[in-house]
PDB file of all heavy atoms in Angstrom:
ATOM      1  N   LEU A   1      38.910 -37.486  -3.031  1.00  0.00           N
ATOM      2  CA  LEU A   1      38.930 -37.331  -4.488  1.00  0.00           C
ATOM      3  C   LEU A   1      37.590 -37.620  -5.135  1.00  0.00           C
ATOM      4  O   LEU A   1      37.256 -37.052  -6.175  1.00  0.00           O
ATOM      5  CB  LEU A   1      39.965 -38.283  -5.116  1.00  0.00           C
ATOM      6  CG  LEU A   1      41.443 -38.051  -4.861  1.00  0.00           C
ATOM      7  CD1 LEU A   1      42.252 -39.130  -5.582  1.00  0.00           C
ATOM      8  CD2 LEU A   1      41.863 -36.668  -5.341  1.00  0.00           C
ATOM      9  N   ALA A   2      36.838 -38.554  -4.543  1.00  0.00           N
ATOM     10  CA  ALA A   2      35.617 -39.097  -5.150  1.00  0.00           C
ATOM     11  C   ALA A   2      35.933 -39.697  -6.511  1.00  0.00           C
ATOM     12  O   ALA A   2      35.123 -39.650  -7.439  1.00  0.00           O
ATOM     13  CB  ALA A   2      34.518 -38.033  -5.252  1.00  0.00           C
ATOM     14  N   GLN A   3      37.109 -40.281  -6.622  1.00  0.00           N
ATOM     15  CA  GLN A   3      37.476 -41.047  -7.799  1.00  0.00           C
ATOM     16  C   GLN A   3      38.546 -42.059  -7.416  1.00  0.00           C
ATOM     17  O   GLN A   3      39.071 -42.015  -6.311  1.00  0.00           O
ATOM     18  CB  GLN A   3      37.952 -40.144  -8.937  1.00  0.00           C
ATOM     19  CG  GLN A   3      39.210 -39.368  -8.657  1.00  0.00           C
ATOM     20  CD  GLN A   3      39.525 -38.379  -9.771  1.00  0.00           C
ATOM     21  OE1 GLN A   3      38.663 -37.670 -10.266  1.00  0.00           O
ATOM     22  NE2 GLN A   3      40.783 -38.325 -10.163  1.00  0.00           N
ATOM     23  N   ALA A   4      38.837 -42.966  -8.334  1.00  0.00           N
ATOM     24  CA  ALA A   4      39.705 -44.091  -8.008  1.00  0.00           C
ATOM     25  C   ALA A   4      41.175 -43.694  -7.983  1.00  0.00           C
ATOM     26  O   ALA A   4      41.622 -42.860  -8.791  1.00  0.00           O
ATOM     27  CB  ALA A   4      39.490 -45.224  -9.003  1.00  0.00           C
ATOM     28  N   GLU A   5      41.908 -44.307  -7.075  1.00  0.00           N
ATOM     29  CA  GLU A   5      43.363 -44.162  -7.008  1.00  0.00           C
ATOM     30  C   GLU A   5      43.966 -45.537  -6.790  1.00  0.00           C
ATOM     31  O   GLU A   5      43.548 -46.267  -5.901  1.00  0.00           O
ATOM     32  CB  GLU A   5      43.763 -43.225  -5.870  1.00  0.00           C
ATOM     33  CG  GLU A   5      45.267 -42.987  -5.767  1.00  0.00           C
ATOM     34  CD  GLU A   5      45.864 -42.473  -7.054  1.00  0.00           C
ATOM     35  OE1 GLU A   5      45.587 -41.322  -7.432  1.00  0.00           O
ATOM     36  OE2 GLU A   5      46.595 -43.253  -7.714  1.00  0.00           O
ATOM     37  N   ALA A   6      44.918 -45.909  -7.627  1.00  0.00           N
ATOM     38  CA  ALA A   6      45.558 -47.219  -7.504  1.00  0.00           C
ATOM     39  C   ALA A   6      47.067 -47.103  -7.318  1.00  0.00           C
ATOM     40  O   ALA A   6      47.775 -48.111  -7.302  1.00  0.00           O
ATOM     41  CB  ALA A   6      45.254 -48.072  -8.730  1.00  0.00           C
ATOM     42  N   ASP A   7      47.567 -45.883  -7.142  1.00  0.00           N
ATOM     43  CA  ASP A   7      49.001 -45.648  -6.963  1.00  0.00           C
ATOM     44  C   ASP A   7      49.306 -45.636  -5.464  1.00  0.00           C
ATOM     45  O   ASP A   7      48.921 -44.715  -4.746  1.00  0.00           O
ATOM     46  CB  ASP A   7      49.386 -44.320  -7.604  1.00  0.00           C
ATOM     47  CG  ASP A   7      50.884 -44.042  -7.551  1.00  0.00           C
ATOM     48  OD1 ASP A   7      51.581 -44.670  -6.724  1.00  0.00           O
ATOM     49  OD2 ASP A   7      51.363 -43.195  -8.326  1.00  0.00           O
ATOM     50  N   GLY A   8      49.980 -46.689  -4.998  1.00  0.00           N
ATOM     51  CA  GLY A   8      50.277 -46.810  -3.577  1.00  0.00           C
ATOM     52  C   GLY A   8      51.024 -45.616  -3.018  1.00  0.00           C
ATOM     53  O   GLY A   8      50.836 -45.245  -1.856  1.00  0.00           O
ATOM     54  N   SER A   9      51.855 -44.962  -3.848  1.00  0.00           N
ATOM     55  CA  SER A   9      52.655 -43.839  -3.361  1.00  0.00           C
ATOM     56  C   SER A   9      51.806 -42.610  -3.057  1.00  0.00           C
ATOM     57  O   SER A   9      52.238 -41.711  -2.337  1.00  0.00           O
ATOM     58  CB  SER A   9      53.728 -43.476  -4.395  1.00  0.00           C
ATOM     59  OG  SER A   9      53.145 -42.970  -5.580  1.00  0.00           O
ATOM     60  N   LYS A  10      50.591 -42.549  -3.588  1.00  0.00           N
ATOM     61  CA  LYS A  10      49.721 -41.391  -3.365  1.00  0.00           C
ATOM     62  C   LYS A  10      48.707 -41.610  -2.246  1.00  0.00           C
ATOM     63  O   LYS A  10      48.076 -40.667  -1.775  1.00  0.00           O
ATOM     64  CB  LYS A  10      48.973 -41.046  -4.659  1.00  0.00           C
ATOM     65  CG  LYS A  10      49.881 -40.613  -5.801  1.00  0.00           C
ATOM     66  CD  LYS A  10      49.081 -40.323  -7.065  1.00  0.00           C
ATOM     67  CE  LYS A  10      49.995 -39.906  -8.206  1.00  0.00           C
ATOM     68  NZ  LYS A  10      49.234 -39.694  -9.462  1.00  0.00           N
ATOM     69  N   LEU A  11      48.541 -42.867  -1.834  1.00  0.00           N
ATOM     70  CA  LEU A  11      47.451 -43.188  -0.909  1.00  0.00           C
ATOM     71  C   LEU A  11      47.674 -42.603   0.489  1.00  0.00           C
ATOM     72  O   LEU A  11      46.718 -42.167   1.134  1.00  0.00           O
ATOM     73  CB  LEU A  11      47.262 -44.703  -0.834  1.00  0.00           C
ATOM     74  CG  LEU A  11      46.705 -45.334  -2.125  1.00  0.00           C
ATOM     75  CD1 LEU A  11      46.802 -46.847  -2.069  1.00  0.00           C
ATOM     76  CD2 LEU A  11      45.263 -44.899  -2.354  1.00  0.00           C
ATOM     77  N   ALA A  12      48.919 -42.578   0.954  1.00  0.00           N
ATOM     78  CA  ALA A  12      49.182 -42.034   2.293  1.00  0.00           C
ATOM     79  C   ALA A  12      48.778 -40.568   2.362  1.00  0.00           C
ATOM     80  O   ALA A  12      48.148 -40.123   3.331  1.00  0.00           O
ATOM     81  CB  ALA A  12      50.651 -42.204   2.668  1.00  0.00           C
ATOM     82  N   ASP A  13      49.115 -39.788   1.331  1.00  0.00           N
ATOM     83  CA  ASP A  13      48.769 -38.368   1.306  1.00  0.00           C
ATOM     84  C   ASP A  13      47.255 -38.171   1.335  1.00  0.00           C
ATOM     85  O   ASP A  13      46.737 -37.274   2.010  1.00  0.00           O
ATOM     86  CB  ASP A  13      49.368 -37.709   0.070  1.00  0.00           C
ATOM     87  CG  ASP A  13      49.117 -36.209   0.026  1.00  0.00           C
ATOM     88  OD1 ASP A  13      49.401 -35.534   1.035  1.00  0.00           O
ATOM     89  OD2 ASP A  13      48.620 -35.709  -1.003  1.00  0.00           O
ATOM     90  N   LEU A  14      46.540 -39.048   0.617  1.00  0.00           N
ATOM     91  CA  LEU A  14      45.070 -38.947   0.609  1.00  0.00           C
ATOM     92  C   LEU A  14      44.484 -39.257   1.982  1.00  0.00           C
ATOM     93  O   LEU A  14      43.502 -38.641   2.398  1.00  0.00           O
ATOM     94  CB  LEU A  14      44.494 -39.892  -0.446  1.00  0.00           C
ATOM     95  CG  LEU A  14      44.840 -39.548  -1.898  1.00  0.00           C
ATOM     96  CD1 LEU A  14      44.344 -40.648  -2.834  1.00  0.00           C
ATOM     97  CD2 LEU A  14      44.233 -38.209  -2.295  1.00  0.00           C
ATOM     98  N   LEU A  15      45.101 -40.198   2.697  1.00  0.00           N
ATOM     99  CA  LEU A  15      44.624 -40.527   4.044  1.00  0.00           C
ATOM    100  C   LEU A  15      44.877 -39.384   5.021  1.00  0.00           C
ATOM    101  O   LEU A  15      44.079 -39.150   5.936  1.00  0.00           O
ATOM    102  CB  LEU A  15      45.289 -41.810   4.546  1.00  0.00           C
ATOM    103  CG  LEU A  15      44.861 -43.101   3.840  1.00  0.00           C
ATOM    104  CD1 LEU A  15      45.728 -44.263   4.300  1.00  0.00           C
ATOM    105  CD2 LEU A  15      43.381 -43.399   4.073  1.00  0.00           C
ATOM    106  N   VAL A  16      45.969 -38.659   4.839  1.00  0.00           N
ATOM    107  CA  VAL A  16      46.238 -37.489   5.682  1.00  0.00           C
ATOM    108  C   VAL A  16      45.215 -36.393   5.394  1.00  0.00           C
ATOM    109  O   VAL A  16      44.622 -35.804   6.310  1.00  0.00           O
ATOM    110  CB  VAL A  16      47.673 -36.972   5.461  1.00  0.00           C
ATOM    111  CG1 VAL A  16      47.885 -35.652   6.215  1.00  0.00           C
ATOM    112  CG2 VAL A  16      48.693 -38.007   5.921  1.00  0.00           C
ATOM    113  N   LYS A  17      44.983 -36.129   4.103  1.00  0.00           N
ATOM    114  CA  LYS A  17      44.026 -35.077   3.724  1.00  0.00           C
ATOM    115  C   LYS A  17      42.612 -35.412   4.187  1.00  0.00           C
ATOM    116  O   LYS A  17      41.808 -34.517   4.468  1.00  0.00           O
ATOM    117  CB  LYS A  17      44.047 -34.885   2.209  1.00  0.00           C
ATOM    118  CG  LYS A  17      45.315 -34.228   1.695  1.00  0.00           C
ATOM    119  CD  LYS A  17      45.306 -34.117   0.179  1.00  0.00           C
ATOM    120  CE  LYS A  17      46.562 -33.381  -0.302  1.00  0.00           C
ATOM    121  NZ  LYS A  17      46.652 -33.373  -1.785  1.00  0.00           N
ATOM    122  N   GLN A  18      42.309 -36.701   4.282  1.00  0.00           N
ATOM    123  CA  GLN A  18      40.974 -37.155   4.667  1.00  0.00           C
ATOM    124  C   GLN A  18      40.604 -36.700   6.090  1.00  0.00           C
ATOM    125  O   GLN A  18      39.431 -36.493   6.390  1.00  0.00           O
ATOM    126  CB  GLN A  18      40.926 -38.684   4.571  1.00  0.00           C
ATOM    127  CG  GLN A  18      39.560 -39.306   4.702  1.00  0.00           C
ATOM    128  CD  GLN A  18      39.639 -40.597   5.484  1.00  0.00           C
ATOM    129  OE1 GLN A  18      40.064 -40.614   6.634  1.00  0.00           O
ATOM    130  NE2 GLN A  18      39.211 -41.680   4.869  1.00  0.00           N
ATOM    131  N   VAL A  19      41.596 -36.518   6.965  1.00  0.00           N
ATOM    132  CA  VAL A  19      41.312 -36.191   8.366  1.00  0.00           C
ATOM    133  C   VAL A  19      40.622 -34.833   8.487  1.00  0.00           C
ATOM    134  O   VAL A  19      39.696 -34.654   9.287  1.00  0.00           O
ATOM    135  CB  VAL A  19      42.606 -36.214   9.208  1.00  0.00           C
ATOM    136  CG1 VAL A  19      42.318 -35.808  10.651  1.00  0.00           C
ATOM    137  CG2 VAL A  19      43.247 -37.595   9.166  1.00  0.00           C
ATOM    138  N   THR A  20      41.045 -33.872   7.670  1.00  0.00           N
ATOM    139  CA  THR A  20      40.450 -32.528   7.722  1.00  0.00           C
ATOM    140  C   THR A  20      39.513 -32.275   6.542  1.00  0.00           C
ATOM    141  O   THR A  20      38.786 -31.276   6.542  1.00  0.00           O
ATOM    142  CB  THR A  20      41.543 -31.440   7.702  1.00  0.00           C
ATOM    143  OG1 THR A  20      42.377 -31.633   6.548  1.00  0.00           O
ATOM    144  CG2 THR A  20      42.400 -31.502   8.953  1.00  0.00           C
ATOM    145  N   GLY A  21      39.516 -33.140   5.541  1.00  0.00           N
ATOM    146  CA  GLY A  21      38.733 -32.918   4.336  1.00  0.00           C
ATOM    147  C   GLY A  21      37.336 -33.513   4.417  1.00  0.00           C
ATOM    148  O   GLY A  21      37.026 -34.325   5.291  1.00  0.00           O
ATOM    149  N   SER A  22      36.493 -33.101   3.486  1.00  0.00           N
ATOM    150  CA  SER A  22      35.123 -33.622   3.427  1.00  0.00           C
ATOM    151  C   SER A  22      35.116 -35.060   2.931  1.00  0.00           C
ATOM    152  O   SER A  22      35.900 -35.431   2.057  1.00  0.00           O
ATOM    153  CB  SER A  22      34.280 -32.776   2.468  1.00  0.00           C
ATOM    154  OG  SER A  22      34.168 -31.451   2.914  1.00  0.00           O
ATOM    155  N   VAL A  23      34.223 -35.865   3.499  1.00  0.00           N
ATOM    156  CA  VAL A  23      33.970 -37.219   3.002  1.00  0.00           C
ATOM    157  C   VAL A  23      32.977 -37.092   1.838  1.00  0.00           C
ATOM    158  O   VAL A  23      31.794 -36.846   2.048  1.00  0.00           O
ATOM    159  CB  VAL A  23      33.395 -38.127   4.110  1.00  0.00           C
ATOM    160  CG1 VAL A  23      33.044 -39.501   3.550  1.00  0.00           C
ATOM    161  CG2 VAL A  23      34.388 -38.255   5.251  1.00  0.00           C
ATOM    162  N   ARG A  24      33.489 -37.259   0.620  1.00  0.00           N
ATOM    163  CA  ARG A  24      32.660 -37.032  -0.582  1.00  0.00           C
ATOM    164  C   ARG A  24      31.982 -38.346  -0.994  1.00  0.00           C
ATOM    165  O   ARG A  24      32.206 -38.879  -2.069  1.00  0.00           O
ATOM    166  CB  ARG A  24      33.535 -36.454  -1.689  1.00  0.00           C
ATOM    167  CG  ARG A  24      34.112 -35.096  -1.336  1.00  0.00           C
ATOM    168  CD  ARG A  24      35.199 -34.644  -2.288  1.00  0.00           C
ATOM    169  NE  ARG A  24      34.709 -34.450  -3.649  1.00  0.00           N
ATOM    170  CZ  ARG A  24      35.490 -34.118  -4.677  1.00  0.00           C
ATOM    171  NH1 ARG A  24      36.796 -33.945  -4.485  1.00  0.00           N
ATOM    172  NH2 ARG A  24      34.981 -33.973  -5.880  1.00  0.00           N
ATOM    173  N   TRP A  25      31.133 -38.844  -0.093  1.00  0.00           N
ATOM    174  CA  TRP A  25      30.546 -40.168  -0.317  1.00  0.00           C
ATOM    175  C   TRP A  25      29.541 -40.171  -1.470  1.00  0.00           C
ATOM    176  O   TRP A  25      29.543 -41.070  -2.310  1.00  0.00           O
ATOM    177  CB  TRP A  25      29.908 -40.685   0.966  1.00  0.00           C
ATOM    178  CG  TRP A  25      29.428 -42.093   0.830  1.00  0.00           C
ATOM    179  CD1 TRP A  25      28.135 -42.532   0.749  1.00  0.00           C
ATOM    180  CD2 TRP A  25      30.248 -43.258   0.683  1.00  0.00           C
ATOM    181  NE1 TRP A  25      28.105 -43.885   0.587  1.00  0.00           N
ATOM    182  CE2 TRP A  25      29.394 -44.358   0.540  1.00  0.00           C
ATOM    183  CE3 TRP A  25      31.629 -43.472   0.672  1.00  0.00           C
ATOM    184  CZ2 TRP A  25      29.862 -45.656   0.381  1.00  0.00           C
ATOM    185  CZ3 TRP A  25      32.106 -44.763   0.519  1.00  0.00           C
ATOM    186  CH2 TRP A  25      31.231 -45.832   0.381  1.00  0.00           C
ATOM    187  N   ARG A  26      28.674 -39.169  -1.516  1.00  0.00           N
ATOM    188  CA  ARG A  26      27.684 -39.104  -2.596  1.00  0.00           C
ATOM    189  C   ARG A  26      28.380 -39.106  -3.954  1.00  0.00           C
ATOM    190  O   ARG A  26      28.011 -39.864  -4.864  1.00  0.00           O
ATOM    191  CB  ARG A  26      26.818 -37.839  -2.435  1.00  0.00           C
ATOM    192  CG  ARG A  26      25.809 -37.619  -3.562  1.00  0.00           C
ATOM    193  CD  ARG A  26      25.041 -36.317  -3.340  1.00  0.00           C
ATOM    194  NE  ARG A  26      25.935 -35.166  -3.287  1.00  0.00           N
ATOM    195  CZ  ARG A  26      26.378 -34.500  -4.359  1.00  0.00           C
ATOM    196  NH1 ARG A  26      26.000 -34.864  -5.583  1.00  0.00           N
ATOM    197  NH2 ARG A  26      27.186 -33.465  -4.211  1.00  0.00           N
ATOM    198  N   GLU A  27      29.402 -38.278  -4.094  1.00  0.00           N
ATOM    199  CA  GLU A  27      30.134 -38.209  -5.363  1.00  0.00           C
ATOM    200  C   GLU A  27      30.886 -39.515  -5.652  1.00  0.00           C
ATOM    201  O   GLU A  27      31.016 -39.919  -6.811  1.00  0.00           O
ATOM    202  CB  GLU A  27      31.124 -37.052  -5.336  1.00  0.00           C
ATOM    203  CG  GLU A  27      30.495 -35.670  -5.343  1.00  0.00           C
ATOM    204  CD  GLU A  27      31.569 -34.602  -5.203  1.00  0.00           C
ATOM    205  OE1 GLU A  27      31.919 -34.249  -4.058  1.00  0.00           O
ATOM    206  OE2 GLU A  27      32.065 -34.144  -6.243  1.00  0.00           O
ATOM    207  N   SER A  28      31.384 -40.152  -4.585  1.00  0.00           N
ATOM    208  CA  SER A  28      32.104 -41.423  -4.776  1.00  0.00           C
ATOM    209  C   SER A  28      31.182 -42.491  -5.347  1.00  0.00           C
ATOM    210  O   SER A  28      31.560 -43.238  -6.262  1.00  0.00           O
ATOM    211  CB  SER A  28      32.699 -41.895  -3.449  1.00  0.00           C
ATOM    212  OG  SER A  28      33.675 -40.988  -2.966  1.00  0.00           O
ATOM    213  N   VAL A  29      29.959 -42.566  -4.812  1.00  0.00           N
ATOM    214  CA  VAL A  29      28.987 -43.543  -5.323  1.00  0.00           C
ATOM    215  C   VAL A  29      28.596 -43.197  -6.753  1.00  0.00           C
ATOM    216  O   VAL A  29      28.498 -44.080  -7.624  1.00  0.00           O
ATOM    217  CB  VAL A  29      27.760 -43.605  -4.398  1.00  0.00           C
ATOM    218  CG1 VAL A  29      26.665 -44.487  -5.004  1.00  0.00           C
ATOM    219  CG2 VAL A  29      28.161 -44.132  -3.023  1.00  0.00           C
ATOM    220  N   MET A  30      28.395 -41.909  -7.023  1.00  0.00           N
ATOM    221  CA  MET A  30      28.054 -41.483  -8.382  1.00  0.00           C
ATOM    222  C   MET A  30      29.184 -41.826  -9.353  1.00  0.00           C
ATOM    223  O   MET A  30      28.940 -42.242 -10.491  1.00  0.00           O
ATOM    224  CB  MET A  30      27.760 -39.991  -8.403  1.00  0.00           C
ATOM    225  CG  MET A  30      26.459 -39.609  -7.708  1.00  0.00           C
ATOM    226  SD  MET A  30      26.245 -37.816  -7.514  1.00  0.00           S
ATOM    227  CE  MET A  30      26.211 -37.297  -9.228  1.00  0.00           C
ATOM    228  N   TYR A  31      30.411 -41.661  -8.915  1.00  0.00           N
ATOM    229  CA  TYR A  31      31.568 -42.008  -9.752  1.00  0.00           C
ATOM    230  C   TYR A  31      31.555 -43.499 -10.088  1.00  0.00           C
ATOM    231  O   TYR A  31      31.715 -43.886 -11.258  1.00  0.00           O
ATOM    232  CB  TYR A  31      32.869 -41.642  -9.025  1.00  0.00           C
ATOM    233  CG  TYR A  31      34.111 -42.223  -9.656  1.00  0.00           C
ATOM    234  CD1 TYR A  31      34.723 -41.593 -10.736  1.00  0.00           C
ATOM    235  CD2 TYR A  31      34.669 -43.415  -9.185  1.00  0.00           C
ATOM    236  CE1 TYR A  31      35.853 -42.138 -11.333  1.00  0.00           C
ATOM    237  CE2 TYR A  31      35.798 -43.959  -9.771  1.00  0.00           C
ATOM    238  CZ  TYR A  31      36.380 -43.313 -10.848  1.00  0.00           C
ATOM    239  OH  TYR A  31      37.498 -43.875 -11.433  1.00  0.00           O
TER     240      TYR A  31
END
């Protein structure tokens, strides 16, 4: 996402997407 998430119910889905998705580290730091 390159943005904050605090909803526990959404975090598992983000971890699954992370396996095939880009690591948006530059954008995360900018955020």
